[in-house]
Amino acid sequence: MQVPIAAGPHQTYLTTDELSALIKYDSRTIRDRLKDSVLIEGRHYIRPFGGRKTLYIWEHIQEDMARHSQVMSSGIPMTNGGALRG
């Protein structure tokens, strides 16, 4: 595995294989199921220089995974804005 490329003081760019190793999802799953549905271009990944290569922004992915986990653990969301807790 290659060393992640630091991009500025707060961003680490990862290839699909590097991201796969960190979040324990298969590279194919990231490309086929997560990219463009859960992972959004400009927020979670970029395509530098207009090319085909995709680089994922690790800090944004970490932040959004943690945020989603907190929302999911706080109960089942209800239409009135509340949550059903078990």
N, C-alpha and C. Protein backbone atom coordinates (compact mmCIF):
# COMPACT_ATOMS: atom_id res chain seq x y z
N MET A 1 0.85 -1.18 0.00
CA MET A 1 0.00 0.00 0.00
C MET A 1 0.89 1.23 0.00
N GLN A 2 0.52 2.21 -0.80
CA GLN A 2 1.29 3.45 -0.88
C GLN A 2 0.99 4.34 0.31
N VAL A 3 1.91 5.24 0.59
CA VAL A 3 1.69 6.22 1.64
C VAL A 3 0.72 7.27 1.12
N PRO A 4 -0.33 7.62 1.90
CA PRO A 4 -1.27 8.64 1.45
C PRO A 4 -0.58 9.97 1.18
N ILE A 5 -1.07 10.67 0.18
CA ILE A 5 -0.52 11.97 -0.21
C ILE A 5 -1.22 13.04 0.61
N ALA A 6 -0.46 13.80 1.34
CA ALA A 6 -1.06 14.89 2.13
C ALA A 6 -1.40 16.04 1.19
N ALA A 7 -2.58 16.59 1.35
CA ALA A 7 -3.03 17.70 0.51
C ALA A 7 -3.41 18.85 1.42
N GLY A 8 -2.49 19.74 1.65
CA GLY A 8 -2.78 20.83 2.56
C GLY A 8 -2.71 20.35 4.00
N PRO A 9 -3.01 21.24 4.93
CA PRO A 9 -2.84 20.89 6.33
C PRO A 9 -3.88 19.91 6.87
N HIS A 10 -5.03 19.76 6.20
CA HIS A 10 -6.10 18.96 6.79
C HIS A 10 -6.71 17.94 5.84
N GLN A 11 -6.09 17.67 4.72
CA GLN A 11 -6.67 16.71 3.79
C GLN A 11 -5.65 15.66 3.37
N THR A 12 -6.10 14.41 3.38
CA THR A 12 -5.28 13.30 2.94
C THR A 12 -6.01 12.65 1.76
N TYR A 13 -5.35 12.55 0.64
CA TYR A 13 -5.94 11.93 -0.54
C TYR A 13 -5.55 10.45 -0.58
N LEU A 14 -6.54 9.59 -0.86
CA LEU A 14 -6.33 8.16 -0.93
C LEU A 14 -6.82 7.61 -2.26
N THR A 15 -6.15 6.58 -2.74
CA THR A 15 -6.66 5.85 -3.90
C THR A 15 -7.80 4.95 -3.43
N THR A 16 -8.48 4.34 -4.37
CA THR A 16 -9.58 3.43 -4.02
C THR A 16 -9.06 2.26 -3.19
N ASP A 17 -7.91 1.71 -3.55
CA ASP A 17 -7.35 0.58 -2.80
C ASP A 17 -6.94 0.99 -1.39
N GLU A 18 -6.39 2.18 -1.22
CA GLU A 18 -6.02 2.65 0.11
C GLU A 18 -7.25 2.88 0.98
N LEU A 19 -8.30 3.48 0.40
CA LEU A 19 -9.54 3.68 1.13
C LEU A 19 -10.15 2.33 1.51
N SER A 20 -10.11 1.39 0.59
CA SER A 20 -10.63 0.04 0.83
C SER A 20 -9.97 -0.59 2.06
N ALA A 21 -8.67 -0.46 2.17
CA ALA A 21 -7.95 -1.03 3.31
C ALA A 21 -8.35 -0.36 4.63
N LEU A 22 -8.65 0.93 4.59
CA LEU A 22 -8.99 1.66 5.81
C LEU A 22 -10.42 1.41 6.28
N ILE A 23 -11.37 1.33 5.36
CA ILE A 23 -12.77 1.18 5.78
C ILE A 23 -13.28 -0.25 5.64
N LYS A 24 -12.42 -1.14 5.19
CA LYS A 24 -12.75 -2.57 5.10
C LYS A 24 -13.92 -2.88 4.16
N TYR A 25 -13.96 -2.13 3.07
CA TYR A 25 -14.89 -2.43 1.98
C TYR A 25 -14.06 -2.80 0.77
N ASP A 26 -14.54 -3.72 -0.05
CA ASP A 26 -13.87 -4.10 -1.27
C ASP A 26 -13.78 -2.90 -2.21
N SER A 27 -12.69 -2.78 -2.94
CA SER A 27 -12.51 -1.67 -3.89
C SER A 27 -13.65 -1.60 -4.89
N ARG A 28 -14.10 -2.74 -5.34
CA ARG A 28 -15.20 -2.79 -6.31
C ARG A 28 -16.48 -2.24 -5.70
N THR A 29 -16.74 -2.54 -4.44
CA THR A 29 -17.93 -2.02 -3.76
C THR A 29 -17.87 -0.51 -3.67
N ILE A 30 -16.69 0.02 -3.37
CA ILE A 30 -16.53 1.48 -3.30
C ILE A 30 -16.83 2.10 -4.65
N ARG A 31 -16.26 1.55 -5.72
CA ARG A 31 -16.46 2.10 -7.06
C ARG A 31 -17.89 1.93 -7.57
N ASP A 32 -18.48 0.75 -7.33
CA ASP A 32 -19.77 0.42 -7.95
C ASP A 32 -20.98 0.80 -7.10
N ARG A 33 -20.86 0.78 -5.78
CA ARG A 33 -22.04 0.98 -4.94
C ARG A 33 -21.99 2.26 -4.10
N LEU A 34 -20.81 2.65 -3.62
CA LEU A 34 -20.72 3.80 -2.73
C LEU A 34 -20.49 5.11 -3.48
N LYS A 35 -19.62 5.06 -4.49
CA LYS A 35 -19.30 6.29 -5.23
C LYS A 35 -20.54 6.78 -5.97
N ASP A 36 -20.81 8.05 -5.82
CA ASP A 36 -21.94 8.75 -6.44
C ASP A 36 -23.29 8.45 -5.78
N SER A 37 -23.33 7.60 -4.75
CA SER A 37 -24.58 7.45 -3.99
C SER A 37 -24.34 7.90 -2.56
N VAL A 38 -23.30 7.41 -1.93
CA VAL A 38 -22.93 7.80 -0.57
C VAL A 38 -21.74 8.75 -0.61
N LEU A 39 -20.78 8.44 -1.46
CA LEU A 39 -19.59 9.28 -1.61
C LEU A 39 -19.82 10.23 -2.78
N ILE A 40 -19.76 11.51 -2.49
CA ILE A 40 -20.14 12.54 -3.46
C ILE A 40 -18.89 13.27 -3.99
N GLU A 41 -18.85 13.42 -5.31
CA GLU A 41 -17.73 14.14 -5.93
C GLU A 41 -17.70 15.58 -5.43
N GLY A 42 -16.50 16.04 -5.09
CA GLY A 42 -16.32 17.39 -4.56
C GLY A 42 -16.32 17.42 -3.04
N ARG A 43 -17.00 16.48 -2.42
CA ARG A 43 -17.01 16.37 -0.96
C ARG A 43 -16.11 15.23 -0.51
N HIS A 44 -16.36 14.04 -1.02
CA HIS A 44 -15.63 12.85 -0.60
C HIS A 44 -14.52 12.43 -1.56
N TYR A 45 -14.60 12.87 -2.79
CA TYR A 45 -13.55 12.52 -3.74
C TYR A 45 -13.43 13.58 -4.83
N ILE A 46 -12.28 13.57 -5.48
CA ILE A 46 -12.02 14.46 -6.61
C ILE A 46 -11.43 13.65 -7.75
N ARG A 47 -11.46 14.25 -8.92
CA ARG A 47 -10.79 13.69 -10.10
C ARG A 47 -9.78 14.75 -10.55
N PRO A 48 -8.55 14.63 -10.06
CA PRO A 48 -7.57 15.68 -10.36
C PRO A 48 -7.30 15.84 -11.85
N PHE A 49 -7.17 17.08 -12.23
CA PHE A 49 -6.81 17.45 -13.61
C PHE A 49 -7.79 16.92 -14.64
N GLY A 50 -9.04 16.67 -14.24
CA GLY A 50 -10.07 16.20 -15.16
C GLY A 50 -9.86 14.80 -15.68
N GLY A 51 -9.01 14.04 -15.01
CA GLY A 51 -8.71 12.69 -15.48
C GLY A 51 -9.66 11.64 -14.95
N ARG A 52 -9.31 10.39 -15.19
CA ARG A 52 -10.13 9.27 -14.76
C ARG A 52 -9.82 8.83 -13.34
N LYS A 53 -8.63 9.15 -12.86
CA LYS A 53 -8.23 8.73 -11.52
C LYS A 53 -9.09 9.42 -10.47
N THR A 54 -9.48 8.65 -9.46
CA THR A 54 -10.28 9.17 -8.37
C THR A 54 -9.43 9.17 -7.10
N LEU A 55 -9.40 10.31 -6.42
CA LEU A 55 -8.73 10.40 -5.13
C LEU A 55 -9.76 10.76 -4.07
N TYR A 56 -9.78 9.98 -3.00
CA TYR A 56 -10.76 10.17 -1.93
C TYR A 56 -10.17 11.04 -0.83
N ILE A 57 -10.99 11.89 -0.25
CA ILE A 57 -10.56 12.81 0.80
C ILE A 57 -10.90 12.15 2.14
N TRP A 58 -9.88 11.62 2.79
CA TRP A 58 -10.05 10.80 3.97
C TRP A 58 -10.76 11.53 5.12
N GLU A 59 -10.40 12.74 5.40
CA GLU A 59 -10.98 13.47 6.52
C GLU A 59 -12.49 13.68 6.35
N HIS A 60 -12.94 13.95 5.13
CA HIS A 60 -14.37 14.14 4.89
C HIS A 60 -15.13 12.82 5.02
N ILE A 61 -14.52 11.74 4.56
CA ILE A 61 -15.16 10.43 4.68
C ILE A 61 -15.27 10.04 6.15
N GLN A 62 -14.20 10.24 6.92
CA GLN A 62 -14.23 9.93 8.36
C GLN A 62 -15.33 10.73 9.06
N GLU A 63 -15.38 12.02 8.79
CA GLU A 63 -16.35 12.90 9.42
C GLU A 63 -17.78 12.46 9.12
N ASP A 64 -18.07 12.16 7.87
CA ASP A 64 -19.42 11.80 7.49
C ASP A 64 -19.80 10.40 7.96
N MET A 65 -18.85 9.47 8.02
CA MET A 65 -19.14 8.14 8.57
C MET A 65 -19.50 8.26 10.05
N ALA A 66 -18.75 9.07 10.79
CA ALA A 66 -19.03 9.25 12.21
C ALA A 66 -20.38 9.94 12.41
N ARG A 67 -20.65 10.95 11.62
CA ARG A 67 -21.92 11.67 11.72
C ARG A 67 -23.09 10.73 11.44
N HIS A 68 -22.98 9.92 10.41
CA HIS A 68 -24.05 8.99 10.06
C HIS A 68 -24.25 7.95 11.17
N SER A 69 -23.17 7.49 11.78
CA SER A 69 -23.27 6.53 12.87
C SER A 69 -24.00 7.13 14.06
N GLN A 70 -23.72 8.39 14.37
CA GLN A 70 -24.39 9.06 15.48
C GLN A 70 -25.88 9.20 15.21
N VAL A 71 -26.24 9.56 13.99
CA VAL A 71 -27.64 9.71 13.63
C VAL A 71 -28.35 8.37 13.73
N MET A 72 -27.72 7.31 13.22
CA MET A 72 -28.35 5.99 13.23
C MET A 72 -28.48 5.45 14.65
N SER A 73 -27.56 5.77 15.55
CA SER A 73 -27.62 5.25 16.91
C SER A 73 -28.56 6.05 17.80
N SER A 74 -29.03 7.18 17.31
CA SER A 74 -29.91 8.01 18.13
C SER A 74 -31.37 7.61 18.01
N GLY A 75 -31.69 6.56 17.30
CA GLY A 75 -33.06 6.09 17.18
C GLY A 75 -33.53 6.11 15.74
N ILE A 76 -34.75 5.66 15.54
CA ILE A 76 -35.34 5.64 14.21
C ILE A 76 -35.94 7.01 13.93
N PRO A 77 -35.52 7.69 12.88
CA PRO A 77 -36.06 9.02 12.60
C PRO A 77 -37.55 8.97 12.27
N MET A 78 -38.28 9.94 12.79
CA MET A 78 -39.72 10.04 12.55
C MET A 78 -39.98 11.26 11.67
N THR A 79 -41.12 11.28 10.99
CA THR A 79 -41.44 12.37 10.08
C THR A 79 -41.59 13.70 10.78
N ASN A 80 -41.92 13.70 12.07
CA ASN A 80 -42.08 14.96 12.80
C ASN A 80 -40.76 15.52 13.30
N GLY A 81 -39.65 14.87 12.95
CA GLY A 81 -38.35 15.36 13.38
C GLY A 81 -37.82 14.68 14.62
N GLY A 82 -38.64 13.92 15.32
CA GLY A 82 -38.20 13.20 16.52
C GLY A 82 -37.58 11.89 16.15
N ALA A 83 -37.34 11.06 17.15
CA ALA A 83 -36.76 9.75 16.92
C ALA A 83 -37.42 8.74 17.86
N LEU A 84 -37.64 7.53 17.34
CA LEU A 84 -38.17 6.43 18.13
C LEU A 84 -37.00 5.72 18.77
N ARG A 85 -37.01 5.66 20.06
CA ARG A 85 -35.91 5.00 20.78
C ARG A 85 -36.40 3.69 21.37
N GLY A 86 -35.52 2.69 21.30
CA GLY A 86 -35.90 1.37 21.77
C GLY A 86 -35.51 1.07 23.17
